[in-house]
N, C-alpha and C. Protein backbone atom coordinates (compact mmCIF):
# COMPACT_ATOMS: atom_id res chain seq x y z
N MET A 1 0.95 -1.13 -0.02
CA MET A 1 -0.05 0.30 -0.05
C MET A 1 0.64 1.19 -0.12
N GLU A 2 0.83 1.84 -0.94
CA GLU A 2 1.40 3.36 -0.77
C GLU A 2 1.09 4.12 0.16
N GLU A 3 2.10 5.00 0.68
CA GLU A 3 1.59 5.78 1.84
C GLU A 3 0.32 6.95 1.47
N LYS A 4 0.26 7.31 0.38
CA LYS A 4 -1.46 7.92 0.43
C LYS A 4 -2.33 7.23 0.56
N GLN A 5 -2.42 5.83 -0.39
CA GLN A 5 -3.20 5.08 0.27
C GLN A 5 -3.55 4.57 1.76
N LEU A 6 -2.56 4.59 2.40
CA LEU A 6 -2.15 4.38 4.12
C LEU A 6 -3.23 5.12 4.94
N ILE A 7 -2.71 6.78 4.00
CA ILE A 7 -2.97 7.70 5.10
C ILE A 7 -4.67 7.80 4.46
N SER A 8 -4.98 7.86 3.36
CA SER A 8 -6.48 7.65 3.62
C SER A 8 -7.23 6.55 3.89
N ALA A 9 -6.49 5.44 4.31
CA ALA A 9 -7.51 3.79 4.86
C ALA A 9 -7.32 4.89 6.25
N LEU A 10 -6.19 5.47 6.75
CA LEU A 10 -5.97 5.52 8.40
C LEU A 10 -7.43 6.86 8.38
N LYS A 11 -7.45 7.50 7.88
CA LYS A 11 -8.71 8.40 8.09
C LYS A 11 -10.03 7.88 7.65
N ARG A 12 -10.10 7.34 6.91
CA ARG A 12 -11.19 6.37 6.86
C ARG A 12 -11.59 5.65 8.40
N GLY A 13 -10.94 5.29 8.98
CA GLY A 13 -10.68 4.31 9.99
C GLY A 13 -10.80 3.14 9.57
N ASP A 14 -10.21 2.85 8.92
CA ASP A 14 -9.90 1.13 7.76
C ASP A 14 -9.17 0.47 8.67
N GLU A 15 -9.60 -0.87 9.60
CA GLU A 15 -8.78 -1.84 10.06
C GLU A 15 -7.80 -1.91 9.25
N LYS A 16 -7.84 -2.49 8.39
CA LYS A 16 -6.59 -2.83 7.27
C LYS A 16 -5.77 -2.38 7.33
N GLY A 17 -6.20 -0.72 7.43
CA GLY A 17 -4.97 0.65 7.01
C GLY A 17 -4.33 0.68 8.18
N PHE A 18 -5.01 0.31 9.45
CA PHE A 18 -4.46 0.74 10.89
C PHE A 18 -3.00 -0.91 10.57
N GLU A 19 -3.60 -2.08 10.66
CA GLU A 19 -2.86 -2.68 10.69
C GLU A 19 -1.75 -3.04 9.64
N GLU A 20 -1.67 -2.13 8.49
CA GLU A 20 -0.63 -1.98 8.13
C GLU A 20 0.09 -1.24 8.29
N PHE A 21 -0.31 0.02 8.82
CA PHE A 21 0.45 0.92 9.61
C PHE A 21 1.21 0.51 10.81
N VAL A 22 0.85 -0.50 11.72
CA VAL A 22 1.34 -0.99 12.61
C VAL A 22 2.77 -1.70 12.36
N GLN A 23 2.25 -2.36 11.08
CA GLN A 23 3.31 -3.34 10.58
C GLN A 23 4.45 -2.22 10.14
N ARG A 24 3.81 -1.49 9.43
CA ARG A 24 5.15 -0.68 8.77
C ARG A 24 6.12 0.18 9.74
N TYR A 25 5.02 1.13 10.64
CA TYR A 25 6.17 1.39 11.36
C TYR A 25 6.61 1.26 12.89
N GLY A 26 5.49 0.52 13.33
CA GLY A 26 5.44 -0.29 14.65
C GLY A 26 7.37 -0.78 15.31
N ASP A 27 7.97 -1.40 14.64
CA ASP A 27 8.88 -1.60 15.08
C ASP A 27 10.09 -0.80 14.75
N ARG A 28 10.16 0.12 13.63
CA ARG A 28 11.04 1.09 13.22
C ARG A 28 10.95 2.38 14.60
N LEU A 29 9.81 2.48 14.98
CA LEU A 29 9.57 3.73 15.76
C LEU A 29 9.83 2.97 17.36
N TYR A 30 9.95 1.57 17.58
CA TYR A 30 10.11 1.38 18.64
C TYR A 30 11.61 1.35 19.04
N ARG A 31 12.25 0.86 17.71
CA ARG A 31 13.63 0.84 18.12
C ARG A 31 14.45 2.08 18.29
N SER A 32 14.10 3.12 17.52
CA SER A 32 14.30 4.54 17.87
C SER A 32 13.75 5.05 18.98
N LEU A 33 12.87 4.55 19.85
CA LEU A 33 12.48 5.47 21.04
C LEU A 33 13.56 4.51 21.93
N TYR A 34 13.68 3.38 21.85
CA TYR A 34 14.86 2.18 22.47
C TYR A 34 15.60 2.75 22.54
N PHE A 35 16.57 3.22 22.00
CA PHE A 35 17.62 3.96 21.83
C PHE A 35 17.95 5.23 22.62
N THR A 36 16.92 5.81 22.85
CA THR A 36 16.28 7.49 22.82
C THR A 36 16.20 7.33 24.16
N VAL A 37 15.28 6.65 24.70
CA VAL A 37 14.97 6.45 26.28
C VAL A 37 15.49 5.83 26.99
N LYS A 38 16.15 4.50 26.19
CA LYS A 38 16.49 3.85 26.99
C LYS A 38 15.72 2.78 28.37
N ASP A 39 14.66 2.40 27.98
CA ASP A 39 14.07 1.63 28.65
C ASP A 39 13.16 0.98 27.53
N GLU A 40 13.23 -0.23 28.05
CA GLU A 40 12.13 -0.88 27.00
C GLU A 40 10.66 -0.77 27.30
N ALA A 41 10.21 -0.79 28.38
CA ALA A 41 8.92 -0.33 28.63
C ALA A 41 8.56 0.71 28.76
N THR A 42 9.19 1.75 28.82
CA THR A 42 9.11 3.49 28.31
C THR A 42 9.00 3.68 26.92
N ALA A 43 9.54 2.75 26.19
CA ALA A 43 9.55 2.86 24.70
C ALA A 43 8.64 2.31 24.01
N ARG A 44 7.90 0.87 24.71
CA ARG A 44 6.56 0.47 24.23
C ARG A 44 5.37 1.24 24.80
N ASP A 45 5.67 1.75 25.51
CA ASP A 45 4.56 2.74 25.75
C ASP A 45 4.14 4.06 24.92
N LEU A 46 5.28 4.27 25.04
CA LEU A 46 5.94 5.32 23.80
C LEU A 46 5.13 5.30 22.70
N VAL A 47 4.99 4.01 21.81
CA VAL A 47 4.78 3.81 20.63
C VAL A 47 3.57 3.49 21.20
N GLN A 48 2.84 3.13 21.82
CA GLN A 48 1.29 2.46 22.25
C GLN A 48 0.54 4.21 22.12
N ASP A 49 1.06 4.95 22.56
CA ASP A 49 1.09 6.40 23.47
C ASP A 49 1.03 7.13 22.04
N THR A 50 1.59 6.98 21.16
CA THR A 50 1.87 7.25 20.04
C THR A 50 0.59 7.29 19.08
N PHE A 51 0.17 5.59 18.89
CA PHE A 51 -0.27 5.49 17.94
C PHE A 51 -1.86 5.99 17.84
N LEU A 52 -2.22 5.78 19.36
CA LEU A 52 -3.53 6.51 20.05
C LEU A 52 -3.79 7.66 19.22
N LYS A 53 -2.31 8.75 19.69
CA LYS A 53 -2.51 9.99 19.48
C LYS A 53 -2.61 10.06 17.69
N VAL A 54 -2.04 8.86 16.45
CA VAL A 54 -2.15 9.46 15.44
C VAL A 54 -3.44 8.93 15.19
N ILE A 55 -4.02 8.01 15.64
CA ILE A 55 -5.16 7.38 15.34
C ILE A 55 -6.25 8.46 15.23
N LYS A 56 -6.32 9.13 17.18
CA LYS A 56 -7.21 10.26 17.05
C LYS A 56 -6.77 11.40 15.88
N HIS A 57 -5.62 12.04 16.11
CA HIS A 57 -5.38 13.08 14.98
C HIS A 57 -4.95 13.25 13.59
N ILE A 58 -5.60 11.64 12.82
CA ILE A 58 -5.17 11.29 11.53
C ILE A 58 -5.50 12.38 10.82
N LYS A 59 -6.98 12.58 11.12
CA LYS A 59 -7.99 13.55 10.07
C LYS A 59 -6.71 15.24 10.10
N ASN A 60 -5.95 15.47 10.79
CA ASN A 60 -5.57 16.59 11.11
C ASN A 60 -3.89 16.99 10.32
N PHE A 61 -3.78 15.59 9.82
CA PHE A 61 -2.45 15.19 9.23
C PHE A 61 -2.61 16.43 7.32
N LYS A 62 -1.61 16.95 7.61
CA LYS A 62 -1.94 17.34 6.12
C LYS A 62 -1.07 16.96 5.06
N GLY A 63 0.04 16.27 5.08
CA GLY A 63 0.74 15.47 4.01
C GLY A 63 1.93 16.69 4.01
N ASP A 64 1.56 17.56 4.61
CA ASP A 64 3.26 18.51 4.43
C ASP A 64 4.39 17.83 4.32
N SER A 65 4.78 16.45 5.06
CA SER A 65 5.89 16.02 5.40
C SER A 65 5.16 14.47 4.81
N LYS A 66 6.56 13.77 5.07
CA LYS A 66 5.83 12.20 5.07
C LYS A 66 5.29 11.69 6.36
N LEU A 67 4.73 10.71 6.38
CA LEU A 67 3.88 10.00 7.66
C LEU A 67 4.40 9.74 8.97
N TYR A 68 5.53 9.14 8.17
CA TYR A 68 6.43 8.71 9.49
C TYR A 68 7.30 9.85 10.14
N THR A 69 7.82 11.04 9.29
CA THR A 69 8.02 12.39 10.34
C THR A 69 6.94 12.85 10.69
N TRP A 70 5.93 12.96 10.49
CA TRP A 70 4.86 13.04 11.54
C TRP A 70 4.31 12.39 12.64
N VAL A 71 4.45 11.02 12.52
CA VAL A 71 4.75 10.14 13.29
C VAL A 71 5.78 10.13 14.81
N TYR A 72 7.07 10.57 14.00
CA TYR A 72 8.08 10.62 15.13
C TYR A 72 8.09 11.89 15.35
N ARG A 73 7.40 13.05 15.11
CA ARG A 73 7.54 14.05 15.98
C ARG A 73 6.41 13.69 17.29
N ILE A 74 4.67 13.61 16.71
CA ILE A 74 4.40 12.86 18.01
C ILE A 74 4.91 11.82 18.98
N ALA A 75 5.86 11.17 18.93
CA ALA A 75 6.65 10.49 19.68
C ALA A 75 7.52 11.44 20.36
N ILE A 76 8.30 12.41 19.81
CA ILE A 76 9.28 13.36 20.58
C ILE A 76 8.24 14.42 21.33
N ASN A 77 7.14 14.18 21.16
CA ASN A 77 6.72 15.10 21.87
C ASN A 77 6.40 14.71 23.02
N LEU A 78 5.85 13.11 22.97
CA LEU A 78 5.27 12.08 24.36
C LEU A 78 6.74 12.04 25.00
N MET A 79 7.65 11.96 24.39
CA MET A 79 9.13 11.44 25.07
C MET A 79 9.56 12.76 26.27
N LYS A 80 9.00 13.92 25.11
CA LYS A 80 9.83 15.23 26.30
C LYS A 80 8.75 15.41 27.16
N ASP A 81 7.53 15.08 27.23
CA ASP A 81 6.56 15.15 28.06
C ASP A 81 6.79 14.25 29.03
N GLY A 82 6.93 12.94 28.61
CA GLY A 82 7.64 12.30 29.86
C GLY A 82 8.95 12.29 30.45
N PHE A 83 9.90 13.27 29.82
CA PHE A 83 11.30 13.69 30.40
C PHE A 83 10.80 14.71 31.48
N LYS A 84 10.08 15.32 31.29
CA LYS A 84 9.58 16.83 31.99
C LYS A 84 9.26 16.15 33.14
N LYS A 85 8.18 15.02 33.23
CA LYS A 85 8.01 14.78 34.42
C LYS A 85 8.46 14.19 35.17
N LYS A 86 9.66 13.20 34.54
CA LYS A 86 10.30 12.15 35.37
C LYS A 86 11.84 12.74 35.88
N ARG A 87 12.62 13.79 35.00
CA ARG A 87 13.61 14.44 34.96
C ARG A 87 15.03 13.28 35.14
N GLU A 88 14.93 12.31 34.90
CA GLU A 88 15.74 11.40 34.69
C GLU A 88 15.95 10.24 33.29
N ASP A 89 17.11 9.87 33.47
CA ASP A 89 17.39 9.59 32.11
C ASP A 89 17.43 8.06 32.43
N LEU A 90 16.78 6.95 31.68
CA LEU A 90 16.53 5.55 31.61
C LEU A 90 17.26 4.74 30.89
N MET A 91 18.11 3.67 30.96
CA MET A 91 18.70 3.23 29.74
C MET A 91 19.19 1.78 29.69
N GLU A 92 18.98 1.22 29.11
CA GLU A 92 19.58 -0.14 28.84
C GLU A 92 19.47 -0.42 27.55
N ILE A 93 20.83 -0.37 26.64
CA ILE A 93 20.77 -0.42 24.68
C ILE A 93 21.19 -1.91 24.80
N GLU A 94 19.90 -2.86 25.02
CA GLU A 94 20.77 -4.57 25.01
C GLU A 94 19.72 -4.93 23.89
N ASP A 95 20.36 -5.56 23.03
CA ASP A 95 19.95 -6.19 21.64
C ASP A 95 19.52 -5.64 20.71
N LEU A 96 20.21 -4.50 20.55
CA LEU A 96 20.06 -3.01 19.35
C LEU A 96 20.82 -3.66 18.13
N GLN A 97 19.99 -3.20 17.38
CA GLN A 97 20.26 -3.65 16.12
C GLN A 97 20.89 -2.43 15.18
N ILE A 98 21.95 -2.23 15.24
CA ILE A 98 22.79 -0.66 14.55
C ILE A 98 22.33 -0.95 12.93
N GLY A 99 21.87 0.20 12.82
CA GLY A 99 22.22 0.11 11.39
C GLY A 99 22.99 0.35 10.50
N LYS A 100 22.55 0.75 8.98
CA LYS A 100 23.73 0.79 8.43
C LYS A 100 24.12 2.38 8.00
N SER A 101 24.70 2.41 8.80
CA SER A 101 25.60 3.88 8.52
C SER A 101 27.06 3.56 8.37
N HIS A 102 27.51 4.49 7.83
CA HIS A 102 29.30 4.65 7.65
C HIS A 102 29.75 4.48 9.13
N VAL A 103 28.96 5.41 10.11
CA VAL A 103 30.03 5.86 11.18
C VAL A 103 29.97 4.17 12.08
N GLU A 104 28.75 3.99 12.05
CA GLU A 104 28.80 2.47 13.04
C GLU A 104 29.25 1.28 12.35
N SER A 105 29.46 1.08 10.93
CA SER A 105 29.36 -0.20 10.26
C SER A 105 31.34 0.43 10.43
N ASP A 106 32.03 1.40 10.41
CA ASP A 106 33.34 1.96 10.49
C ASP A 106 34.09 1.15 11.71
N VAL A 107 33.47 1.56 12.90
CA VAL A 107 33.08 1.62 14.01
C VAL A 107 33.29 0.05 14.37
N LEU A 108 32.42 -0.57 14.14
CA LEU A 108 32.14 -2.19 14.30
C LEU A 108 32.87 -3.16 13.46
N LYS A 109 33.24 -2.68 12.62
CA LYS A 109 34.49 -3.14 12.07
C LYS A 109 35.66 -3.67 12.83
N ASN A 110 35.82 -2.80 13.53
CA ASN A 110 36.87 -2.31 14.17
C ASN A 110 36.87 -3.05 15.78
N PHE A 111 36.33 -3.23 16.01
CA PHE A 111 35.76 -2.79 17.50
C PHE A 111 34.60 -3.97 17.96
N HIS A 112 34.13 -4.21 19.45
CA HIS A 112 33.46 -4.84 19.88
C HIS A 112 32.18 -4.09 20.08
N HIS A 113 31.25 -4.83 19.64
CA HIS A 113 29.70 -4.15 19.55
C HIS A 113 29.34 -3.38 21.08
N HIS A 114 29.56 -4.16 21.85
CA HIS A 114 29.24 -4.27 23.79
C HIS A 114 30.11 -2.75 23.78
N GLN A 115 30.99 -3.06 23.81
CA GLN A 115 32.20 -1.22 23.83
C GLN A 115 31.67 -0.30 23.23
N VAL A 116 31.19 -0.51 21.36
CA VAL A 116 30.90 0.66 21.20
C VAL A 116 29.27 1.44 21.64
N LYS A 117 28.41 0.38 22.08
CA LYS A 117 26.90 0.54 22.67
C LYS A 117 27.11 1.59 24.12
N GLU A 118 27.93 1.19 25.21
CA GLU A 118 28.42 1.89 26.46
C GLU A 118 28.50 3.11 25.96
N CYS A 119 29.63 2.91 25.12
CA CYS A 119 29.70 4.54 24.91
C CYS A 119 29.02 5.59 24.10
N ILE A 120 27.78 4.76 23.45
CA ILE A 120 26.50 5.60 22.83
C ILE A 120 26.02 5.83 24.07
N LYS A 121 25.68 5.66 24.74
CA LYS A 121 25.03 5.59 26.02
C LYS A 121 25.12 6.75 26.79
N GLU A 122 27.04 7.03 26.75
CA GLU A 122 27.63 8.49 27.50
C GLU A 122 27.46 9.59 26.67
N VAL A 123 27.15 9.71 25.08
CA VAL A 123 26.88 10.72 24.57
C VAL A 123 25.10 11.51 25.30
N PRO A 124 25.69 12.54 25.09
CA PRO A 124 24.21 13.23 25.63
C PRO A 124 23.00 13.25 25.10
N LEU A 125 22.13 13.07 25.15
CA LEU A 125 20.91 13.15 25.07
C LEU A 125 20.34 13.64 23.67
N ILE A 126 20.82 15.15 23.50
CA ILE A 126 20.54 16.33 22.70
C ILE A 126 21.66 15.76 21.30
N TYR A 127 22.32 15.37 21.43
CA TYR A 127 23.25 14.58 20.42
C TYR A 127 22.75 13.29 20.27
N ARG A 128 22.50 12.61 21.19
CA ARG A 128 22.65 11.27 20.80
C ARG A 128 21.03 11.02 19.85
N GLN A 129 20.48 11.53 20.23
CA GLN A 129 18.87 12.01 19.37
C GLN A 129 19.15 11.89 18.04
N VAL A 130 19.58 12.84 17.46
CA VAL A 130 20.17 13.34 15.90
C VAL A 130 20.94 12.20 15.97
N MET A 131 21.77 11.78 16.50
CA MET A 131 22.37 10.74 16.01
C MET A 131 21.41 9.58 15.38
N VAL A 132 20.33 9.27 16.53
CA VAL A 132 19.71 8.31 16.29
C VAL A 132 18.86 8.65 15.12
N LEU A 133 18.29 9.48 14.69
CA LEU A 133 17.52 9.84 13.29
C LEU A 133 18.45 9.90 12.06
N PHE A 134 19.48 10.22 12.28
CA PHE A 134 20.43 10.43 11.35
C PHE A 134 21.20 9.20 10.44
N TYR A 135 21.30 8.08 11.72
CA TYR A 135 22.54 7.08 11.38
C TYR A 135 21.21 5.79 11.23
N PHE A 136 20.30 5.95 12.38
CA PHE A 136 19.54 4.61 12.87
C PHE A 136 18.15 4.57 11.81
N GLU A 137 17.65 5.85 11.61
CA GLU A 137 16.20 5.99 11.14
C GLU A 137 17.17 6.65 9.30
N GLU A 138 18.06 6.88 8.98
CA GLU A 138 18.40 7.24 8.05
C GLU A 138 17.67 8.59 7.56
N MET A 139 17.44 9.20 8.52
CA MET A 139 16.67 10.53 7.72
C MET A 139 17.70 11.70 7.09
N LYS A 140 17.12 12.19 6.37
CA LYS A 140 18.12 13.54 6.09
C LYS A 140 18.12 14.70 7.26
N ILE A 141 18.91 15.57 6.98
CA ILE A 141 19.20 16.66 7.87
C ILE A 141 17.80 17.19 7.81
N ARG A 142 16.89 17.82 6.51
CA ARG A 142 15.81 18.52 6.86
C ARG A 142 14.85 17.78 7.27
N GLU A 143 14.70 16.54 7.65
CA GLU A 143 13.86 15.71 7.86
C GLU A 143 14.15 16.23 9.50
N ILE A 144 15.18 15.69 9.91
CA ILE A 144 15.28 15.81 11.70
C ILE A 144 15.10 17.11 11.86
N ALA A 145 15.87 18.07 11.20
CA ALA A 145 15.33 19.73 11.61
C ALA A 145 13.48 20.17 11.39
N GLU A 146 12.77 18.81 10.61
CA GLU A 146 11.43 19.50 10.92
C GLU A 146 11.00 18.39 12.12
N VAL A 147 11.35 17.28 12.41
CA VAL A 147 10.84 16.58 13.33
C VAL A 147 11.31 17.22 14.86
N LEU A 148 12.28 17.44 14.83
CA LEU A 148 13.22 18.34 16.07
C LEU A 148 12.60 19.64 16.43
N GLU A 149 11.94 20.14 15.48
CA GLU A 149 11.45 21.80 15.03
C GLU A 149 12.61 22.72 15.18
N GLU A 150 13.55 22.41 14.89
CA GLU A 150 15.53 23.01 14.83
C GLU A 150 16.03 23.11 13.42
N LYS A 151 16.20 24.55 13.45
CA LYS A 151 17.21 24.96 12.18
C LYS A 151 18.30 23.73 11.62
N GLU A 152 18.23 23.29 10.23
CA GLU A 152 18.97 22.52 9.79
C GLU A 152 20.54 22.83 10.03
N GLY A 153 21.02 24.08 10.54
CA GLY A 153 22.16 24.56 11.03
C GLY A 153 23.00 23.62 12.53
N THR A 154 21.37 24.31 13.12
CA THR A 154 21.75 23.26 14.46
C THR A 154 21.70 21.72 14.82
N ILE A 155 20.80 20.91 13.56
CA ILE A 155 21.10 20.12 13.38
C ILE A 155 22.38 19.35 13.05
N LYS A 156 22.98 19.63 12.19
CA LYS A 156 24.34 19.54 11.68
C LYS A 156 25.57 20.14 13.06
N SER A 157 25.04 21.12 13.34
CA SER A 157 25.90 21.08 14.99
C SER A 157 25.76 19.83 15.54
N LYS A 158 24.48 19.47 16.21
CA LYS A 158 24.46 18.47 17.22
C LYS A 158 24.88 17.07 16.78
N LEU A 159 24.62 16.91 14.99
CA LEU A 159 25.62 15.76 14.65
C LEU A 159 26.72 15.78 15.08
N PHE A 160 27.52 17.01 14.50
CA PHE A 160 29.28 16.69 14.21
C PHE A 160 29.45 16.73 15.84
N ARG A 161 29.04 17.23 16.74
CA ARG A 161 29.15 17.33 18.39
C ARG A 161 28.97 15.78 18.62
N GLY A 162 28.03 15.52 18.32
CA GLY A 162 27.58 13.83 18.57
C GLY A 162 28.55 13.00 18.82
N LYS A 163 29.26 12.84 16.99
CA LYS A 163 30.13 12.28 16.38
C LYS A 163 31.45 12.39 17.65
N GLN A 164 31.65 13.86 17.51
CA GLN A 164 32.66 14.47 18.46
C GLN A 164 33.14 13.67 19.77
N ALA A 165 31.24 13.82 20.79
CA ALA A 165 31.58 12.84 22.04
C ALA A 165 31.50 11.81 21.77
N LEU A 166 31.11 10.99 20.28
CA LEU A 166 31.41 9.23 20.75
C LEU A 166 32.86 9.00 20.41
N LYS A 167 33.60 9.73 19.69
CA LYS A 167 34.81 9.77 19.25
C LYS A 167 35.60 9.57 20.47
N GLU A 168 35.24 10.68 21.74
CA GLU A 168 36.04 10.67 22.40
C GLU A 168 36.24 9.69 23.81
N LYS A 169 34.80 9.38 23.66
CA LYS A 169 34.43 8.52 24.25
C LYS A 169 34.83 6.84 24.39
N LEU A 170 34.89 6.56 22.71
CA LEU A 170 36.06 5.75 22.12
C LEU A 170 37.21 5.79 22.27
N ILE A 171 37.69 7.00 22.24
CA ILE A 171 39.52 7.18 22.70
C ILE A 171 39.51 6.46 24.57
N GLU A 172 38.65 7.26 25.18
CA GLU A 172 39.37 7.01 26.49
C GLU A 172 39.17 6.37 26.92
N ARG A 173 38.53 5.10 26.25
CA ARG A 173 38.22 3.58 26.39
C ARG A 173 38.98 2.79 25.71
N GLU A 174 39.87 3.74 25.49
CA GLU A 174 40.89 2.62 24.30
C GLU A 174 40.47 2.27 23.08
N VAL A 175 38.95 2.04 22.94
CA VAL A 175 38.46 1.46 21.61
C VAL A 175 38.47 1.98 20.54
N PHE A 176 39.26 2.92 20.41
CA PHE A 176 39.31 3.85 19.10
C PHE A 176 40.23 4.74 19.15
N HIS A 177 41.69 4.75 18.04
CA HIS A 177 42.67 5.44 18.36
C HIS A 177 42.65 7.02 17.47
N GLU A 178 43.31 7.94 18.06
CA GLU A 178 43.22 9.17 17.68
C GLU A 178 42.98 9.56 16.40
N LYS A 179 43.93 8.79 15.71
CA LYS A 179 44.33 8.91 14.23
C LYS A 179 43.23 8.66 13.78
N GLU A 180 42.35 7.68 13.83
CA GLU A 180 40.72 7.25 12.77
C GLU A 180 39.96 8.50 13.13
N THR A 181 39.28 7.89 12.17
CA THR A 181 38.26 8.97 11.86
C THR A 181 36.58 8.37 12.05
N ILE A 182 35.71 8.88 12.72
CA ILE A 182 34.37 8.51 12.49
C ILE A 182 33.70 9.33 11.47
């Protein structure tokens, strides 16, 4: 089903459309949220809450962006609300499937997966969030800027700083050597 057809089906309240929507975006959204919020149960709850909000507000979707970008924006807002309430960073990145980005693949070619995950956990959330969207969700800078409601220049800066923070952590742990590039 094409995205436009899926949106129409969701707006009509079509059950098969909803099933397709969950199949298409459920796991993808869960992985991104899990990596960001650092807790399996919280990520699951966020996915459920996001889907409920999508169903409730799908008629307001104008199509100015891709459906997933709009869905992810809802998830980010729900996550921010949750962080405001809790004010703590929860996390375990276990069993995370690393995507196919050049940063991760270069690092993983040379180093233990576990050590890299430990270093990624230490990257500040504002940078980690952009890195997840760019490398794991394979979103473009423009899409990330739209989702996070920030300027493209800010996103580029956060991505650069996130990569630098990851590199510093890898060097500190002697998993990575200064001469190598991320």
